[in-house]
Amino acid sequence: MNKNRRNILIAVVLLVILLVMPFWGSIKGLITGEDASTGATTEAPQVTCTLAVSVQPALEDIDLVKEEARDLLPEDGWLLAETQVTLSEGSTLLDALQTACREAGLAVEASSGYVEAIGGLRAGDGGDLSGWTYTVNGETVMTGAGELEVQEGDQILWSYVCTWE
């Protein structure tokens, strides 16, 4: 009885191998990222942008910032100086922020594309109207950071503001 089970198991394994062999190049390509016909590695197209995180507006309105949050504000006004970020094409501004901050050791808290905190500085720490905002290539954008795709060469500036004036 054991010999029959072993023979059946061997037959099943051989059948699976025979069925998989014609498709092995494609399967390997999916796993390794190689093109099945050329063997060349296929990588997703990438984009590079620059990103910085500023708290300068909060320093200008320091009297509005909660006492316990003031220690989170660097004197030079930068939580993250301008840095280059390379991402897969189709990545969002939120992806760029999370990638750059992760590499710098800064925590990012976001919910549904809205950034609630960077480096521990939370929306509301600078008064009822305070929070994180951003510009892309110097322009204020009203699209959610989780929806707007990064384009090659974008310059993204995140700023913590206490008022919207």
C-alpha atoms as a PDB file:
ATOM      1  CA  MET A   1       0.000   0.000   0.000  1.00  0.00           C
ATOM      2  CA  ASN A   2       2.820   2.462   0.855  1.00  0.00           C
ATOM      3  CA  LYS A   3       4.588   1.588  -2.399  1.00  0.00           C
ATOM      4  CA  ASN A   4       1.423   2.491  -4.375  1.00  0.00           C
ATOM      5  CA  ARG A   5       1.124   5.865  -2.598  1.00  0.00           C
ATOM      6  CA  ARG A   6       4.766   6.619  -3.289  1.00  0.00           C
ATOM      7  CA  ASN A   7       4.345   5.737  -6.971  1.00  0.00           C
ATOM      8  CA  ILE A   8       1.234   7.915  -7.216  1.00  0.00           C
ATOM      9  CA  LEU A   9       3.057  10.804  -5.519  1.00  0.00           C
ATOM     10  CA  ILE A  10       6.004  10.460  -7.923  1.00  0.00           C
ATOM     11  CA  ALA A  11       3.602  10.383 -10.877  1.00  0.00           C
ATOM     12  CA  VAL A  12       1.820  13.540  -9.661  1.00  0.00           C
ATOM     13  CA  VAL A  13       5.133  15.380  -9.147  1.00  0.00           C
ATOM     14  CA  LEU A  14       6.304  14.406 -12.641  1.00  0.00           C
ATOM     15  CA  LEU A  15       2.979  15.500 -14.132  1.00  0.00           C
ATOM     16  CA  VAL A  16       3.225  18.899 -12.407  1.00  0.00           C
ATOM     17  CA  ILE A  17       6.791  19.331 -13.678  1.00  0.00           C
ATOM     18  CA  LEU A  18       5.731  18.469 -17.222  1.00  0.00           C
ATOM     19  CA  LEU A  19       2.832  20.922 -17.044  1.00  0.00           C
ATOM     20  CA  VAL A  20       4.965  23.749 -15.614  1.00  0.00           C
ATOM     21  CA  MET A  21       8.012  23.369 -17.908  1.00  0.00           C
ATOM     22  CA  PRO A  22       6.550  25.168 -20.971  1.00  0.00           C
ATOM     23  CA  PHE A  23       5.627  28.158 -18.806  1.00  0.00           C
ATOM     24  CA  TRP A  24       8.761  28.242 -16.618  1.00  0.00           C
ATOM     25  CA  GLY A  25      10.301  31.272 -18.386  1.00  0.00           C
ATOM     26  CA  SER A  26       7.176  33.324 -17.820  1.00  0.00           C
ATOM     27  CA  ILE A  27       6.813  32.169 -14.229  1.00  0.00           C
ATOM     28  CA  LYS A  28      10.485  32.922 -13.520  1.00  0.00           C
ATOM     29  CA  GLY A  29      10.085  36.350 -15.139  1.00  0.00           C
ATOM     30  CA  LEU A  30       7.167  37.178 -12.860  1.00  0.00           C
ATOM     31  CA  ILE A  31       9.208  36.173  -9.828  1.00  0.00           C
ATOM     32  CA  THR A  32      12.542  37.764 -10.765  1.00  0.00           C
ATOM     33  CA  GLY A  33      11.461  40.621 -13.016  1.00  0.00           C
ATOM     34  CA  GLU A  34      13.306  39.188 -16.036  1.00  0.00           C
ATOM     35  CA  ASP A  35      11.924  39.273 -19.565  1.00  0.00           C
ATOM     36  CA  ALA A  36      11.247  35.646 -20.568  1.00  0.00           C
ATOM     37  CA  SER A  37      12.467  36.074 -24.168  1.00  0.00           C
ATOM     38  CA  THR A  38      15.617  38.180 -23.592  1.00  0.00           C
ATOM     39  CA  GLY A  39      16.531  37.458 -19.978  1.00  0.00           C
ATOM     40  CA  ALA A  40      16.882  41.202 -19.372  1.00  0.00           C
ATOM     41  CA  THR A  41      15.603  42.567 -16.099  1.00  0.00           C
ATOM     42  CA  THR A  42      12.399  44.554 -16.502  1.00  0.00           C
ATOM     43  CA  GLU A  43      11.965  47.289 -13.923  1.00  0.00           C
ATOM     44  CA  ALA A  44       9.005  49.554 -13.512  1.00  0.00           C
ATOM     45  CA  PRO A  45       9.634  53.041 -14.903  1.00  0.00           C
ATOM     46  CA  GLN A  46      10.743  55.446 -12.192  1.00  0.00           C
ATOM     47  CA  VAL A  47      10.466  59.159 -11.460  1.00  0.00           C
ATOM     48  CA  THR A  48      12.720  61.342  -9.348  1.00  0.00           C
ATOM     49  CA  CYS A  49      11.570  64.388  -7.408  1.00  0.00           C
ATOM     50  CA  THR A  50      12.919  66.619  -4.663  1.00  0.00           C
ATOM     51  CA  LEU A  51      11.121  66.915  -1.353  1.00  0.00           C
ATOM     52  CA  ALA A  52      11.580  69.022   1.779  1.00  0.00           C
ATOM     53  CA  VAL A  53       9.632  69.420   5.029  1.00  0.00           C
ATOM     54  CA  SER A  54       9.537  72.888   6.610  1.00  0.00           C
ATOM     55  CA  VAL A  55       8.228  74.177   9.922  1.00  0.00           C
ATOM     56  CA  GLN A  56       9.318  77.776   9.219  1.00  0.00           C
ATOM     57  CA  PRO A  57       5.712  79.090   9.194  1.00  0.00           C
ATOM     58  CA  ALA A  58       5.184  77.605  12.677  1.00  0.00           C
ATOM     59  CA  LEU A  59       8.356  79.288  13.943  1.00  0.00           C
ATOM     60  CA  GLU A  60       6.949  82.590  12.705  1.00  0.00           C
ATOM     61  CA  ASP A  61       3.745  81.933  14.709  1.00  0.00           C
ATOM     62  CA  ILE A  62       5.478  80.239  17.659  1.00  0.00           C
ATOM     63  CA  ASP A  63       3.044  81.771  20.163  1.00  0.00           C
ATOM     64  CA  LEU A  64       0.265  79.652  18.581  1.00  0.00           C
ATOM     65  CA  VAL A  65       2.190  76.374  18.971  1.00  0.00           C
ATOM     66  CA  LYS A  66       1.422  74.282  22.047  1.00  0.00           C
ATOM     67  CA  GLU A  67       4.236  74.324  24.590  1.00  0.00           C
ATOM     68  CA  GLU A  68       4.733  70.543  24.381  1.00  0.00           C
ATOM     69  CA  ALA A  69       5.074  70.691  20.575  1.00  0.00           C
ATOM     70  CA  ARG A  70       7.673  73.470  20.466  1.00  0.00           C
ATOM     71  CA  ASP A  71      10.500  71.003  21.079  1.00  0.00           C
ATOM     72  CA  LEU A  72       9.596  69.351  17.758  1.00  0.00           C
ATOM     73  CA  LEU A  73      10.464  72.513  15.814  1.00  0.00           C
ATOM     74  CA  PRO A  74      14.104  72.630  14.692  1.00  0.00           C
ATOM     75  CA  GLU A  75      15.650  76.096  14.991  1.00  0.00           C
ATOM     76  CA  ASP A  76      16.653  76.141  11.312  1.00  0.00           C
ATOM     77  CA  GLY A  77      13.025  75.483  10.297  1.00  0.00           C
ATOM     78  CA  TRP A  78      13.647  72.170   8.482  1.00  0.00           C
ATOM     79  CA  LEU A  79      12.412  68.787   9.643  1.00  0.00           C
ATOM     80  CA  LEU A  80      13.830  67.467   6.380  1.00  0.00           C
ATOM     81  CA  ALA A  81      16.147  69.456   4.138  1.00  0.00           C
ATOM     82  CA  GLU A  82      15.665  69.136   0.394  1.00  0.00           C
ATOM     83  CA  THR A  83      16.329  65.554  -0.655  1.00  0.00           C
ATOM     84  CA  GLN A  84      15.947  63.554  -3.842  1.00  0.00           C
ATOM     85  CA  VAL A  85      13.429  60.724  -3.877  1.00  0.00           C
ATOM     86  CA  THR A  86      13.157  58.063  -6.592  1.00  0.00           C
ATOM     87  CA  LEU A  87       9.843  56.248  -6.856  1.00  0.00           C
ATOM     88  CA  SER A  88       7.991  53.925  -9.202  1.00  0.00           C
ATOM     89  CA  GLU A  89       6.015  55.736 -11.861  1.00  0.00           C
ATOM     90  CA  GLY A  90       2.465  56.257 -10.610  1.00  0.00           C
ATOM     91  CA  SER A  91       3.529  56.917  -7.003  1.00  0.00           C
ATOM     92  CA  THR A  92       1.728  59.685  -5.152  1.00  0.00           C
ATOM     93  CA  LEU A  93       2.941  62.701  -3.201  1.00  0.00           C
ATOM     94  CA  LEU A  94       2.090  60.791  -0.043  1.00  0.00           C
ATOM     95  CA  ASP A  95       4.301  57.911  -1.223  1.00  0.00           C
ATOM     96  CA  ALA A  96       7.135  60.396  -1.815  1.00  0.00           C
ATOM     97  CA  LEU A  97       6.716  61.904   1.656  1.00  0.00           C
ATOM     98  CA  GLN A  98       6.624  58.510   3.355  1.00  0.00           C
ATOM     99  CA  THR A  99       9.680  57.294   1.453  1.00  0.00           C
ATOM    100  CA  ALA A 100      11.776  60.396   2.182  1.00  0.00           C
ATOM    101  CA  CYS A 101      10.752  60.502   5.844  1.00  0.00           C
ATOM    102  CA  ARG A 102      11.351  56.788   6.358  1.00  0.00           C
ATOM    103  CA  GLU A 103      14.894  57.207   4.987  1.00  0.00           C
ATOM    104  CA  ALA A 104      15.414  60.183   7.339  1.00  0.00           C
ATOM    105  CA  GLY A 105      13.946  58.393  10.364  1.00  0.00           C
ATOM    106  CA  LEU A 106      10.864  60.627  10.613  1.00  0.00           C
ATOM    107  CA  ALA A 107       7.472  59.125  11.328  1.00  0.00           C
ATOM    108  CA  VAL A 108       4.529  60.045   9.094  1.00  0.00           C
ATOM    109  CA  GLU A 109       0.937  59.542  10.197  1.00  0.00           C
ATOM    110  CA  ALA A 110      -1.676  59.733   7.465  1.00  0.00           C
ATOM    111  CA  SER A 111      -5.273  58.713   7.067  1.00  0.00           C
ATOM    112  CA  SER A 112      -7.121  58.537   3.733  1.00  0.00           C
ATOM    113  CA  GLY A 113      -4.364  60.580   2.066  1.00  0.00           C
ATOM    114  CA  TYR A 114      -4.480  63.345   4.698  1.00  0.00           C
ATOM    115  CA  VAL A 115      -1.213  63.886   6.584  1.00  0.00           C
ATOM    116  CA  GLU A 116      -1.963  64.131  10.286  1.00  0.00           C
ATOM    117  CA  ALA A 117       1.613  64.285  11.599  1.00  0.00           C
ATOM    118  CA  ILE A 118       5.227  64.402  10.461  1.00  0.00           C
ATOM    119  CA  GLY A 119       8.024  63.865  12.941  1.00  0.00           C
ATOM    120  CA  GLY A 120       5.510  63.958  15.790  1.00  0.00           C
ATOM    121  CA  LEU A 121       4.169  67.424  14.882  1.00  0.00           C
ATOM    122  CA  ARG A 122       0.423  66.961  14.547  1.00  0.00           C
ATOM    123  CA  ALA A 123      -2.349  68.943  12.952  1.00  0.00           C
ATOM    124  CA  GLY A 124      -3.810  71.009  15.801  1.00  0.00           C
ATOM    125  CA  ASP A 125      -0.502  71.445  17.683  1.00  0.00           C
ATOM    126  CA  GLY A 126      -0.345  75.005  16.371  1.00  0.00           C
ATOM    127  CA  GLY A 127      -3.976  75.918  17.021  1.00  0.00           C
ATOM    128  CA  ASP A 128      -7.316  74.951  15.544  1.00  0.00           C
ATOM    129  CA  LEU A 129      -6.314  75.929  11.996  1.00  0.00           C
ATOM    130  CA  SER A 130      -2.868  74.333  12.016  1.00  0.00           C
ATOM    131  CA  GLY A 131      -1.722  71.416   9.923  1.00  0.00           C
ATOM    132  CA  TRP A 132       0.362  70.148   7.045  1.00  0.00           C
ATOM    133  CA  THR A 133       0.082  71.569   3.551  1.00  0.00           C
ATOM    134  CA  TYR A 134       2.208  71.252   0.443  1.00  0.00           C
ATOM    135  CA  THR A 135       3.178  72.919  -2.791  1.00  0.00           C
ATOM    136  CA  VAL A 136       4.322  71.272  -6.009  1.00  0.00           C
ATOM    137  CA  ASN A 137       6.723  73.285  -8.143  1.00  0.00           C
ATOM    138  CA  GLY A 138       5.840  76.358  -6.085  1.00  0.00           C
ATOM    139  CA  GLU A 139       2.084  76.037  -6.628  1.00  0.00           C
ATOM    140  CA  THR A 140      -0.467  75.276  -3.925  1.00  0.00           C
ATOM    141  CA  VAL A 141      -2.401  72.159  -4.872  1.00  0.00           C
ATOM    142  CA  MET A 142      -5.832  71.303  -3.522  1.00  0.00           C
ATOM    143  CA  THR A 143      -5.744  67.621  -4.539  1.00  0.00           C
ATOM    144  CA  GLY A 144      -5.196  65.072  -1.773  1.00  0.00           C
ATOM    145  CA  ALA A 145      -1.596  63.898  -1.384  1.00  0.00           C
ATOM    146  CA  GLY A 146      -2.727  60.302  -1.749  1.00  0.00           C
ATOM    147  CA  GLU A 147      -4.304  61.057  -5.131  1.00  0.00           C
ATOM    148  CA  LEU A 148      -1.797  63.286  -6.902  1.00  0.00           C
ATOM    149  CA  GLU A 149       0.912  61.422  -8.831  1.00  0.00           C
ATOM    150  CA  VAL A 150       4.528  62.554  -8.695  1.00  0.00           C
ATOM    151  CA  GLN A 151       5.914  63.689 -12.044  1.00  0.00           C
ATOM    152  CA  GLU A 152       9.579  63.615 -13.063  1.00  0.00           C
ATOM    153  CA  GLY A 153      11.409  66.633 -11.625  1.00  0.00           C
ATOM    154  CA  ASP A 154       8.638  67.742  -9.251  1.00  0.00           C
ATOM    155  CA  GLN A 155       9.741  69.932  -6.361  1.00  0.00           C
ATOM    156  CA  ILE A 156       7.556  69.171  -3.359  1.00  0.00           C
ATOM    157  CA  LEU A 157       7.569  71.322  -0.230  1.00  0.00           C
ATOM    158  CA  TRP A 158       5.611  70.230   2.833  1.00  0.00           C
ATOM    159  CA  SER A 159       4.993  73.025   5.350  1.00  0.00           C
ATOM    160  CA  TYR A 160       3.439  73.130   8.789  1.00  0.00           C
ATOM    161  CA  VAL A 161       1.174  76.159   9.070  1.00  0.00           C
ATOM    162  CA  CYS A 162      -0.655  77.587  12.060  1.00  0.00           C
ATOM    163  CA  THR A 163      -2.993  79.818  10.025  1.00  0.00           C
ATOM    164  CA  TRP A 164      -4.174  79.867   6.432  1.00  0.00           C
ATOM    165  CA  GLU A 165      -3.491  83.524   5.714  1.00  0.00           C
END
